[in-house]
Amino acid sequence: LKTITLNFYYSIYLKNLHTLKTTYTGKKGQTAAVTTLDGQQIDYYDSEIKKLIPKQDWMKDYASTKTWKEYTEFRERVQQTNKINITALMQRFNQSRGVHVYQRMYGCEWDDETRDTRGFDEYSYDGQRLISLDLKELRYTASVPQAIPTVQKWNNDRKQLDSQCVFLPYNSLRIVYMFLCVF
């Protein structure tokens, strides 16, 4: 019994699960994005200032690269997409006015003990989950009826779906490895 307890203790407390997560929040034409690594904020983007800001000292070297410029430009494009998505969702939810929040959270988890990875991609509107990507089934699922048209469209775009299914667990994992080496 002591051995089992000791093994259980070690498996809980010595397991190294690493999480890279980017969350976009769109509201009233504005977008903010936050990326965290293991719960620690590593960057921040605000559409008002149109800058991606490193939030850790070790990220400052990375911020001077071409990749950083590409990440900034990507976040600027997300702002435009969020405006369109909020307008479409307001129509689907029969809303003509008001302040509404659209969020996307994606990234990956990596267990450096077992080498298991898990990618995730989730969308919400006004705090309610809309859509999530099921990487095992290689398809998006709708959590509410208003999300069904989008899910059908996305699931029918096999090229984009396959790209997401590769990007999330593998490209995100590559980024986790890279950041853990400098962290």
C-alpha atoms as a PDB file:
ATOM      1  CA  LEU A   1       0.000   0.000   0.000  1.00  0.00           C
ATOM      2  CA  LYS A   2       2.859   2.416   0.765  1.00  0.00           C
ATOM      3  CA  THR A   3       4.426   1.744  -2.638  1.00  0.00           C
ATOM      4  CA  ILE A   4       1.160   2.432  -4.419  1.00  0.00           C
ATOM      5  CA  THR A   5       0.683   5.648  -2.461  1.00  0.00           C
ATOM      6  CA  LEU A   6       4.247   6.740  -3.186  1.00  0.00           C
ATOM      7  CA  ASN A   7       3.908   5.991  -6.919  1.00  0.00           C
ATOM      8  CA  PHE A   8       0.600   7.848  -7.028  1.00  0.00           C
ATOM      9  CA  TYR A   9       2.198  10.839  -5.260  1.00  0.00           C
ATOM     10  CA  TYR A  10       5.063  10.931  -7.745  1.00  0.00           C
ATOM     11  CA  SER A  11       2.811  10.589 -10.758  1.00  0.00           C
ATOM     12  CA  ILE A  12       0.772  13.602  -9.665  1.00  0.00           C
ATOM     13  CA  TYR A  13       3.467  15.913  -8.373  1.00  0.00           C
ATOM     14  CA  LEU A  14       6.400  15.127 -10.624  1.00  0.00           C
ATOM     15  CA  LYS A  15       4.539  14.997 -13.896  1.00  0.00           C
ATOM     16  CA  ASN A  16       5.501  17.849 -16.202  1.00  0.00           C
ATOM     17  CA  LEU A  17       2.508  18.860 -18.242  1.00  0.00           C
ATOM     18  CA  HIS A  18       3.313  21.894 -20.382  1.00  0.00           C
ATOM     19  CA  THR A  19       0.585  23.986 -21.943  1.00  0.00           C
ATOM     20  CA  LEU A  20       0.864  26.605 -24.679  1.00  0.00           C
ATOM     21  CA  LYS A  21      -2.382  28.525 -25.083  1.00  0.00           C
ATOM     22  CA  THR A  22      -3.360  31.559 -27.148  1.00  0.00           C
ATOM     23  CA  THR A  23      -6.656  33.271 -26.387  1.00  0.00           C
ATOM     24  CA  TYR A  24      -8.197  35.896 -28.655  1.00  0.00           C
ATOM     25  CA  THR A  25     -10.990  38.075 -27.340  1.00  0.00           C
ATOM     26  CA  GLY A  26     -12.953  40.287 -29.731  1.00  0.00           C
ATOM     27  CA  LYS A  27     -15.415  42.940 -28.629  1.00  0.00           C
ATOM     28  CA  LYS A  28     -16.766  46.073 -30.374  1.00  0.00           C
ATOM     29  CA  GLY A  29     -14.201  45.910 -33.183  1.00  0.00           C
ATOM     30  CA  GLN A  30     -11.286  45.495 -30.784  1.00  0.00           C
ATOM     31  CA  THR A  31      -9.180  42.407 -30.279  1.00  0.00           C
ATOM     32  CA  ALA A  32      -6.801  41.415 -27.539  1.00  0.00           C
ATOM     33  CA  ALA A  33      -4.671  38.280 -27.574  1.00  0.00           C
ATOM     34  CA  VAL A  34      -2.731  36.642 -24.768  1.00  0.00           C
ATOM     35  CA  THR A  35      -0.373  33.694 -25.065  1.00  0.00           C
ATOM     36  CA  THR A  36       0.578  31.713 -21.993  1.00  0.00           C
ATOM     37  CA  LEU A  37       3.141  28.981 -21.448  1.00  0.00           C
ATOM     38  CA  ASP A  38       2.495  26.836 -18.395  1.00  0.00           C
ATOM     39  CA  GLY A  39       0.087  29.474 -17.090  1.00  0.00           C
ATOM     40  CA  GLN A  40       2.608  32.304 -17.388  1.00  0.00           C
ATOM     41  CA  GLN A  41       1.812  35.111 -19.828  1.00  0.00           C
ATOM     42  CA  ILE A  42       4.486  35.364 -22.513  1.00  0.00           C
ATOM     43  CA  ASP A  43       2.969  37.885 -24.933  1.00  0.00           C
ATOM     44  CA  TYR A  44       0.097  40.319 -25.366  1.00  0.00           C
ATOM     45  CA  TYR A  45      -1.484  41.912 -28.427  1.00  0.00           C
ATOM     46  CA  ASP A  46      -3.886  44.851 -28.365  1.00  0.00           C
ATOM     47  CA  SER A  47      -5.581  46.028 -31.558  1.00  0.00           C
ATOM     48  CA  GLU A  48      -5.631  49.618 -30.286  1.00  0.00           C
ATOM     49  CA  ILE A  49      -1.840  49.890 -30.351  1.00  0.00           C
ATOM     50  CA  LYS A  50      -1.343  47.185 -33.025  1.00  0.00           C
ATOM     51  CA  LYS A  51       1.674  45.741 -31.260  1.00  0.00           C
ATOM     52  CA  LEU A  52       2.599  42.315 -29.980  1.00  0.00           C
ATOM     53  CA  ILE A  53       4.380  42.842 -26.681  1.00  0.00           C
ATOM     54  CA  PRO A  54       6.702  40.298 -25.022  1.00  0.00           C
ATOM     55  CA  LYS A  55       5.750  39.804 -21.380  1.00  0.00           C
ATOM     56  CA  GLN A  56       8.829  37.856 -20.275  1.00  0.00           C
ATOM     57  CA  ASP A  57      12.441  38.995 -20.449  1.00  0.00           C
ATOM     58  CA  TRP A  58      13.469  35.843 -22.310  1.00  0.00           C
ATOM     59  CA  MET A  59      10.874  36.661 -25.006  1.00  0.00           C
ATOM     60  CA  LYS A  60      12.557  39.958 -25.899  1.00  0.00           C
ATOM     61  CA  ASP A  61      15.211  38.267 -28.066  1.00  0.00           C
ATOM     62  CA  TYR A  62      12.490  36.330 -29.851  1.00  0.00           C
ATOM     63  CA  ALA A  63      10.573  39.585 -30.371  1.00  0.00           C
ATOM     64  CA  SER A  64      13.302  40.896 -32.663  1.00  0.00           C
ATOM     65  CA  THR A  65      12.827  38.102 -35.212  1.00  0.00           C
ATOM     66  CA  LYS A  66      10.975  37.880 -38.494  1.00  0.00           C
ATOM     67  CA  THR A  67       8.630  35.328 -36.916  1.00  0.00           C
ATOM     68  CA  TRP A  68       7.540  37.915 -34.331  1.00  0.00           C
ATOM     69  CA  LYS A  69       6.571  40.294 -37.136  1.00  0.00           C
ATOM     70  CA  GLU A  70       4.560  37.492 -38.768  1.00  0.00           C
ATOM     71  CA  TYR A  71       2.791  36.743 -35.461  1.00  0.00           C
ATOM     72  CA  THR A  72       1.920  40.440 -35.130  1.00  0.00           C
ATOM     73  CA  GLU A  73       0.504  40.553 -38.665  1.00  0.00           C
ATOM     74  CA  PHE A  74      -1.514  37.393 -37.998  1.00  0.00           C
ATOM     75  CA  ARG A  75      -3.073  38.991 -34.931  1.00  0.00           C
ATOM     76  CA  GLU A  76      -3.987  42.058 -36.994  1.00  0.00           C
ATOM     77  CA  ARG A  77      -5.825  39.778 -39.461  1.00  0.00           C
ATOM     78  CA  VAL A  78      -7.611  38.072 -36.572  1.00  0.00           C
ATOM     79  CA  GLN A  79      -9.032  41.452 -35.558  1.00  0.00           C
ATOM     80  CA  GLN A  80     -10.716  41.784 -38.968  1.00  0.00           C
ATOM     81  CA  THR A  81     -12.016  38.218 -38.773  1.00  0.00           C
ATOM     82  CA  ASN A  82     -13.427  38.829 -35.300  1.00  0.00           C
ATOM     83  CA  LYS A  83     -15.439  41.820 -36.552  1.00  0.00           C
ATOM     84  CA  ILE A  84     -17.025  39.634 -39.225  1.00  0.00           C
ATOM     85  CA  ASN A  85     -17.623  36.746 -36.820  1.00  0.00           C
ATOM     86  CA  ILE A  86     -19.317  38.912 -34.193  1.00  0.00           C
ATOM     87  CA  THR A  87     -21.652  40.405 -36.807  1.00  0.00           C
ATOM     88  CA  ALA A  88     -22.550  36.940 -38.134  1.00  0.00           C
ATOM     89  CA  LEU A  89     -23.106  35.557 -34.637  1.00  0.00           C
ATOM     90  CA  MET A  90     -25.330  38.476 -33.678  1.00  0.00           C
ATOM     91  CA  GLN A  91     -27.513  37.602 -36.669  1.00  0.00           C
ATOM     92  CA  ARG A  92     -27.594  33.893 -35.777  1.00  0.00           C
ATOM     93  CA  PHE A  93     -28.570  34.700 -32.195  1.00  0.00           C
ATOM     94  CA  ASN A  94     -31.160  37.269 -33.383  1.00  0.00           C
ATOM     95  CA  GLN A  95     -29.350  40.183 -31.737  1.00  0.00           C
ATOM     96  CA  SER A  96     -29.432  43.616 -33.323  1.00  0.00           C
ATOM     97  CA  ARG A  97     -27.391  45.573 -30.767  1.00  0.00           C
ATOM     98  CA  GLY A  98     -25.386  45.331 -27.604  1.00  0.00           C
ATOM     99  CA  VAL A  99     -21.819  44.487 -26.693  1.00  0.00           C
ATOM    100  CA  HIS A 100     -20.880  40.898 -27.476  1.00  0.00           C
ATOM    101  CA  VAL A 101     -17.682  38.945 -26.907  1.00  0.00           C
ATOM    102  CA  TYR A 102     -16.199  36.393 -29.299  1.00  0.00           C
ATOM    103  CA  GLN A 103     -13.310  34.222 -28.114  1.00  0.00           C
ATOM    104  CA  ARG A 104     -11.017  31.629 -29.576  1.00  0.00           C
ATOM    105  CA  MET A 105      -8.611  29.581 -27.492  1.00  0.00           C
ATOM    106  CA  TYR A 106      -6.150  27.190 -29.105  1.00  0.00           C
ATOM    107  CA  GLY A 107      -2.871  25.512 -28.377  1.00  0.00           C
ATOM    108  CA  CYS A 108      -1.466  22.266 -27.089  1.00  0.00           C
ATOM    109  CA  GLU A 109      -0.525  20.310 -24.015  1.00  0.00           C
ATOM    110  CA  TRP A 110       2.584  18.165 -23.803  1.00  0.00           C
ATOM    111  CA  ASP A 111       3.495  15.700 -21.090  1.00  0.00           C
ATOM    112  CA  ASP A 112       7.274  15.547 -21.084  1.00  0.00           C
ATOM    113  CA  GLU A 113       7.159  12.315 -19.087  1.00  0.00           C
ATOM    114  CA  THR A 114       4.881  10.265 -21.355  1.00  0.00           C
ATOM    115  CA  ARG A 115       5.483  12.381 -24.497  1.00  0.00           C
ATOM    116  CA  ASP A 116       1.693  12.522 -25.002  1.00  0.00           C
ATOM    117  CA  THR A 117       0.348  15.590 -26.788  1.00  0.00           C
ATOM    118  CA  ARG A 118      -3.097  17.067 -27.102  1.00  0.00           C
ATOM    119  CA  GLY A 119      -4.091  19.962 -29.315  1.00  0.00           C
ATOM    120  CA  PHE A 120      -7.207  22.048 -28.763  1.00  0.00           C
ATOM    121  CA  ASP A 121      -9.177  24.723 -30.615  1.00  0.00           C
ATOM    122  CA  GLU A 122     -12.309  26.153 -28.999  1.00  0.00           C
ATOM    123  CA  TYR A 123     -14.630  29.040 -29.831  1.00  0.00           C
ATOM    124  CA  SER A 124     -17.145  30.830 -27.617  1.00  0.00           C
ATOM    125  CA  TYR A 125     -19.605  33.695 -27.864  1.00  0.00           C
ATOM    126  CA  ASP A 126     -20.795  35.711 -24.861  1.00  0.00           C
ATOM    127  CA  GLY A 127     -19.224  33.133 -22.548  1.00  0.00           C
ATOM    128  CA  GLN A 128     -20.993  30.153 -24.132  1.00  0.00           C
ATOM    129  CA  ARG A 129     -18.997  27.462 -25.935  1.00  0.00           C
ATOM    130  CA  LEU A 130     -19.851  27.382 -29.648  1.00  0.00           C
ATOM    131  CA  ILE A 131     -17.432  25.107 -31.434  1.00  0.00           C
ATOM    132  CA  SER A 132     -14.576  22.803 -30.565  1.00  0.00           C
ATOM    133  CA  LEU A 133     -12.182  20.761 -32.657  1.00  0.00           C
ATOM    134  CA  ASP A 134     -12.184  17.012 -32.035  1.00  0.00           C
ATOM    135  CA  LEU A 135      -8.712  15.921 -33.131  1.00  0.00           C
ATOM    136  CA  LYS A 136      -9.477  12.217 -32.670  1.00  0.00           C
ATOM    137  CA  GLU A 137     -12.471  12.383 -35.015  1.00  0.00           C
ATOM    138  CA  LEU A 138     -10.841  15.066 -37.211  1.00  0.00           C
ATOM    139  CA  ARG A 139     -13.901  17.301 -37.166  1.00  0.00           C
ATOM    140  CA  TYR A 140     -15.397  20.316 -35.485  1.00  0.00           C
ATOM    141  CA  THR A 141     -18.425  19.912 -33.223  1.00  0.00           C
ATOM    142  CA  ALA A 142     -21.148  22.451 -32.470  1.00  0.00           C
ATOM    143  CA  SER A 143     -22.237  23.064 -28.882  1.00  0.00           C
ATOM    144  CA  VAL A 144     -25.278  25.166 -29.839  1.00  0.00           C
ATOM    145  CA  PRO A 145     -27.593  25.094 -32.894  1.00  0.00           C
ATOM    146  CA  GLN A 146     -26.385  28.523 -34.060  1.00  0.00           C
ATOM    147  CA  ALA A 147     -22.915  27.065 -34.649  1.00  0.00           C
ATOM    148  CA  ILE A 148     -24.067  24.253 -36.953  1.00  0.00           C
ATOM    149  CA  PRO A 149     -23.728  26.218 -40.256  1.00  0.00           C
ATOM    150  CA  THR A 150     -20.131  27.134 -39.409  1.00  0.00           C
ATOM    151  CA  VAL A 151     -19.263  23.601 -38.306  1.00  0.00           C
ATOM    152  CA  GLN A 152     -20.678  22.156 -41.524  1.00  0.00           C
ATOM    153  CA  LYS A 153     -18.688  24.638 -43.603  1.00  0.00           C
ATOM    154  CA  TRP A 154     -15.458  23.982 -41.703  1.00  0.00           C
ATOM    155  CA  ASN A 155     -15.874  20.197 -41.740  1.00  0.00           C
ATOM    156  CA  ASN A 156     -16.430  20.295 -45.515  1.00  0.00           C
ATOM    157  CA  ASP A 157     -13.155  22.168 -46.035  1.00  0.00           C
ATOM    158  CA  ARG A 158     -10.898  19.107 -45.671  1.00  0.00           C
ATOM    159  CA  LYS A 159      -7.739  20.972 -46.620  1.00  0.00           C
ATOM    160  CA  GLN A 160      -8.200  23.536 -43.830  1.00  0.00           C
ATOM    161  CA  LEU A 161      -9.384  20.884 -41.368  1.00  0.00           C
ATOM    162  CA  ASP A 162      -6.377  18.665 -42.063  1.00  0.00           C
ATOM    163  CA  SER A 163      -4.114  21.699 -41.698  1.00  0.00           C
ATOM    164  CA  GLN A 164      -5.579  22.495 -38.266  1.00  0.00           C
ATOM    165  CA  CYS A 165      -5.292  18.877 -37.177  1.00  0.00           C
ATOM    166  CA  VAL A 166      -1.586  18.934 -38.023  1.00  0.00           C
ATOM    167  CA  PHE A 167      -0.856  22.464 -36.797  1.00  0.00           C
ATOM    168  CA  LEU A 168      -2.322  22.231 -33.314  1.00  0.00           C
ATOM    169  CA  PRO A 169      -0.544  19.221 -31.882  1.00  0.00           C
ATOM    170  CA  TYR A 170       2.680  19.427 -33.897  1.00  0.00           C
ATOM    171  CA  ASN A 171       3.470  23.066 -34.682  1.00  0.00           C
ATOM    172  CA  SER A 172       2.304  24.188 -31.251  1.00  0.00           C
ATOM    173  CA  LEU A 173       4.454  21.455 -29.734  1.00  0.00           C
ATOM    174  CA  ARG A 174       7.472  22.699 -31.692  1.00  0.00           C
ATOM    175  CA  ILE A 175       6.883  26.156 -30.206  1.00  0.00           C
ATOM    176  CA  VAL A 176       6.591  24.676 -26.687  1.00  0.00           C
ATOM    177  CA  TYR A 177       9.941  22.891 -27.144  1.00  0.00           C
ATOM    178  CA  MET A 178      11.565  26.063 -28.403  1.00  0.00           C
ATOM    179  CA  PHE A 179      10.256  28.208 -25.532  1.00  0.00           C
ATOM    180  CA  LEU A 180      11.119  25.611 -22.882  1.00  0.00           C
ATOM    181  CA  CYS A 181      14.729  25.653 -24.096  1.00  0.00           C
ATOM    182  CA  VAL A 182      15.042  29.379 -23.355  1.00  0.00           C
ATOM    183  CA  PHE A 183      12.671  29.527 -20.396  1.00  0.00           C
END
